Amino acid sequence: MTVLFELFISFFLIGLFGFGGGYAMIPLIKQYIVRYGWMPISQFADLVAVSQMTPGPLAVNAATYAGMSVAGLPGAITATLGVSIPAFVIVLIVAHFVTKFRENRFVSSTLDAVRPATVGMIAAAVLFFMQMSVFDEDYKFVPGAAAIFLISILMARSFKVNPIIIVVISAVLGMLLI
């Protein structure tokens, strides 16, 4: 199996089963990257960070980054198409039927059941980021990183600081403390 085919199928499946948006897809993306050995876990953390910082959907940015890292421009195009096609087709189909059947008990129950699964996937991504944020590659605790993590949470939750400002402050603190 060629790497382009593996990229396409992997990201197609991520796009097909990654309900809940980009953050919920992170565990799926990690699973395929680890399975095929496309990059070390430390580079995966970079993939997520870059995908968050660049404009556009996180899953598309992550697919493009992973594809580029694995197989250059053809890999980037292949992975991006793979993750995008399912969403495009599903949205067309769902939009057509949801407007017609929203009051249907089965449709309503199905949509209600997807919410907790989505929260679970996002929680898995949060735990992954927390682990990658406060421990190094040898799983040793990094106090400076933990301080930045806690300060970021405090600024976001308690003081409602703009996320862009939090990223800039975190970057500066990272250069000074880590």
Protein backbone atom coordinates (compact mmCIF):
# COMPACT_ATOMS: atom_id res chain seq x y z
CA MET A 1 0.00 0.00 0.00
CA THR A 2 1.47 3.35 -0.96
CA VAL A 3 1.84 6.14 1.53
CA LEU A 4 -0.51 8.38 -0.49
CA PHE A 5 -3.22 5.74 -0.34
CA GLU A 6 -2.64 5.30 3.41
CA LEU A 7 -2.85 9.07 3.89
CA PHE A 8 -6.06 9.33 1.89
CA ILE A 9 -7.81 6.39 3.59
CA SER A 10 -6.66 7.43 7.07
CA PHE A 11 -7.82 11.02 6.72
CA PHE A 12 -10.98 9.94 4.91
CA LEU A 13 -11.87 7.79 7.93
CA ILE A 14 -10.96 10.65 10.28
CA GLY A 15 -13.23 12.95 8.29
CA LEU A 16 -15.98 10.34 8.22
CA PHE A 17 -15.97 9.44 11.92
CA GLY A 18 -14.57 12.59 13.55
CA PHE A 19 -17.81 14.04 14.90
CA GLY A 20 -17.57 17.24 16.89
CA GLY A 21 -15.04 19.20 14.88
CA GLY A 22 -11.27 19.51 14.94
CA TYR A 23 -10.62 19.03 18.66
CA ALA A 24 -12.68 15.86 18.71
CA MET A 25 -10.65 14.57 15.74
CA ILE A 26 -7.28 14.97 17.46
CA PRO A 27 -7.34 11.52 19.12
CA LEU A 28 -8.22 9.94 15.75
CA ILE A 29 -5.45 11.79 13.97
CA LYS A 30 -2.99 10.74 16.69
CA GLN A 31 -4.10 7.11 16.35
CA TYR A 32 -3.31 6.98 12.62
CA ILE A 33 -0.06 8.89 12.93
CA VAL A 34 1.13 6.46 15.62
CA ARG A 35 -0.16 3.39 13.70
CA TYR A 36 1.77 4.28 10.54
CA GLY A 37 4.76 5.84 12.32
CA TRP A 38 4.48 9.00 10.25
CA MET A 39 6.02 11.23 12.94
CA PRO A 40 7.17 11.13 16.56
CA ILE A 41 4.65 12.15 19.21
CA SER A 42 6.57 15.38 19.88
CA GLN A 43 6.09 16.39 16.24
CA PHE A 44 2.40 15.50 16.56
CA ALA A 45 2.14 18.13 19.31
CA ASP A 46 3.70 20.61 16.85
CA LEU A 47 1.19 19.51 14.20
CA VAL A 48 -1.68 20.37 16.53
CA ALA A 49 -0.15 23.68 17.60
CA VAL A 50 0.47 24.79 14.01
CA SER A 51 -2.99 23.59 12.98
CA GLN A 52 -4.56 25.72 15.70
CA MET A 53 -2.54 28.82 14.86
CA THR A 54 -3.23 28.82 11.13
CA PRO A 55 -6.54 30.03 9.71
CA GLY A 56 -9.09 27.38 8.77
CA PRO A 57 -10.51 24.21 10.22
CA LEU A 58 -8.15 22.36 12.57
CA ALA A 59 -8.71 18.96 10.92
CA VAL A 60 -7.96 20.31 7.44
CA ASN A 61 -4.85 22.11 8.68
CA ALA A 62 -3.69 18.98 10.53
CA ALA A 63 -4.27 16.81 7.45
CA THR A 64 -2.32 19.24 5.28
CA TYR A 65 0.56 19.39 7.79
CA ALA A 66 0.69 15.61 8.22
CA GLY A 67 0.49 14.98 4.48
CA MET A 68 3.23 17.52 3.79
CA SER A 69 5.47 15.99 6.47
CA VAL A 70 4.95 12.46 5.17
CA ALA A 71 4.89 12.88 1.38
CA GLY A 72 5.44 16.51 0.41
CA LEU A 73 2.91 18.44 -1.67
CA PRO A 74 1.19 15.33 -3.10
CA GLY A 75 0.75 14.07 0.48
CA ALA A 76 -0.66 17.41 1.64
CA ILE A 77 -3.21 17.45 -1.19
CA THR A 78 -4.13 13.79 -0.69
CA ALA A 79 -4.63 14.05 3.09
CA THR A 80 -6.56 17.32 2.76
CA LEU A 81 -8.92 15.83 0.18
CA GLY A 82 -9.31 12.72 2.31
CA VAL A 83 -10.42 14.62 5.41
CA SER A 84 -12.60 17.10 3.48
CA ILE A 85 -14.63 14.85 1.17
CA PRO A 86 -16.64 13.03 3.88
CA ALA A 87 -17.64 16.27 5.60
CA PHE A 88 -18.71 17.83 2.33
CA VAL A 89 -20.88 14.86 1.35
CA ILE A 90 -22.29 14.33 4.87
CA VAL A 91 -23.26 17.99 5.26
CA LEU A 92 -25.11 17.92 1.95
CA ILE A 93 -27.03 14.78 2.93
CA VAL A 94 -27.71 15.74 6.55
CA ALA A 95 -28.82 19.28 5.69
CA HIS A 96 -31.36 17.87 3.27
CA PHE A 97 -32.85 15.37 5.71
CA VAL A 98 -32.57 17.19 9.05
CA THR A 99 -34.73 20.04 7.87
CA LYS A 100 -37.40 17.53 6.84
CA PHE A 101 -37.18 15.16 9.81
CA ARG A 102 -36.01 17.29 12.80
CA GLU A 103 -39.21 16.55 14.71
CA ASN A 104 -38.78 12.78 14.18
CA ARG A 105 -38.04 11.07 17.51
CA PHE A 106 -35.29 8.86 16.04
CA VAL A 107 -33.47 11.78 14.41
CA SER A 108 -33.78 13.91 17.54
CA SER A 109 -32.52 11.06 19.77
CA THR A 110 -29.59 10.38 17.45
CA LEU A 111 -28.51 14.02 17.51
CA ASP A 112 -28.86 14.07 21.31
CA ALA A 113 -26.71 10.91 21.60
CA VAL A 114 -23.88 12.36 19.52
CA ARG A 115 -23.33 15.27 21.93
CA PRO A 116 -21.90 13.22 24.85
CA ALA A 117 -19.61 11.30 22.49
CA THR A 118 -18.35 14.61 21.12
CA VAL A 119 -17.66 15.91 24.63
CA GLY A 120 -15.75 12.70 25.38
CA MET A 121 -13.57 13.10 22.28
CA ILE A 122 -12.84 16.72 23.16
CA ALA A 123 -12.00 15.67 26.74
CA ALA A 124 -9.53 13.12 25.36
CA ALA A 125 -7.87 15.90 23.34
CA VAL A 126 -7.71 18.13 26.43
CA LEU A 127 -6.05 15.36 28.46
CA PHE A 128 -3.54 14.76 25.66
CA PHE A 129 -2.65 18.46 25.51
CA MET A 130 -2.39 18.70 29.27
CA GLN A 131 0.02 15.75 29.30
CA MET A 132 2.07 17.15 26.41
CA SER A 133 2.09 20.58 28.04
CA VAL A 134 3.42 19.76 31.50
CA PHE A 135 5.62 16.72 30.82
CA ASP A 136 8.60 16.40 28.50
CA GLU A 137 9.24 13.53 26.07
CA ASP A 138 10.64 11.41 28.92
CA TYR A 139 7.50 12.11 31.01
CA LYS A 140 9.39 14.29 33.46
CA PHE A 141 7.37 17.12 35.01
CA VAL A 142 8.30 20.57 33.64
CA PRO A 143 7.41 23.21 36.26
CA GLY A 144 7.69 26.19 33.88
CA ALA A 145 5.33 24.55 31.40
CA ALA A 146 2.89 23.70 34.19
CA ALA A 147 2.96 27.34 35.34
CA ILE A 148 2.21 28.55 31.81
CA PHE A 149 -0.61 26.01 31.56
CA LEU A 150 -2.19 27.18 34.83
CA ILE A 151 -1.72 30.87 34.02
CA SER A 152 -3.38 30.31 30.62
CA ILE A 153 -6.37 28.58 32.19
CA LEU A 154 -6.65 31.33 34.81
CA MET A 155 -6.50 34.09 32.18
CA ALA A 156 -9.10 32.37 29.99
CA ARG A 157 -11.59 31.29 32.66
CA SER A 158 -11.34 33.89 35.41
CA PHE A 159 -10.33 37.02 33.54
CA LYS A 160 -11.83 36.26 30.10
CA VAL A 161 -8.61 37.33 28.34
CA ASN A 162 -8.67 37.17 24.54
CA PRO A 163 -7.15 33.84 23.35
CA ILE A 164 -4.74 35.66 21.01
CA ILE A 165 -3.31 37.57 23.97
CA ILE A 166 -3.02 34.31 25.94
CA VAL A 167 -1.05 32.71 23.08
CA VAL A 168 1.32 35.69 22.87
CA ILE A 169 1.86 35.80 26.64
CA SER A 170 2.38 32.02 26.72
CA ALA A 171 4.95 32.23 23.92
CA VAL A 172 6.88 34.93 25.76
CA LEU A 173 6.71 33.00 29.05
CA GLY A 174 7.84 29.87 27.21
CA MET A 175 10.92 31.66 25.91
CA LEU A 176 11.71 32.94 29.39
CA LEU A 177 10.86 29.92 31.57
CA ILE A 178 11.48 26.84 29.45
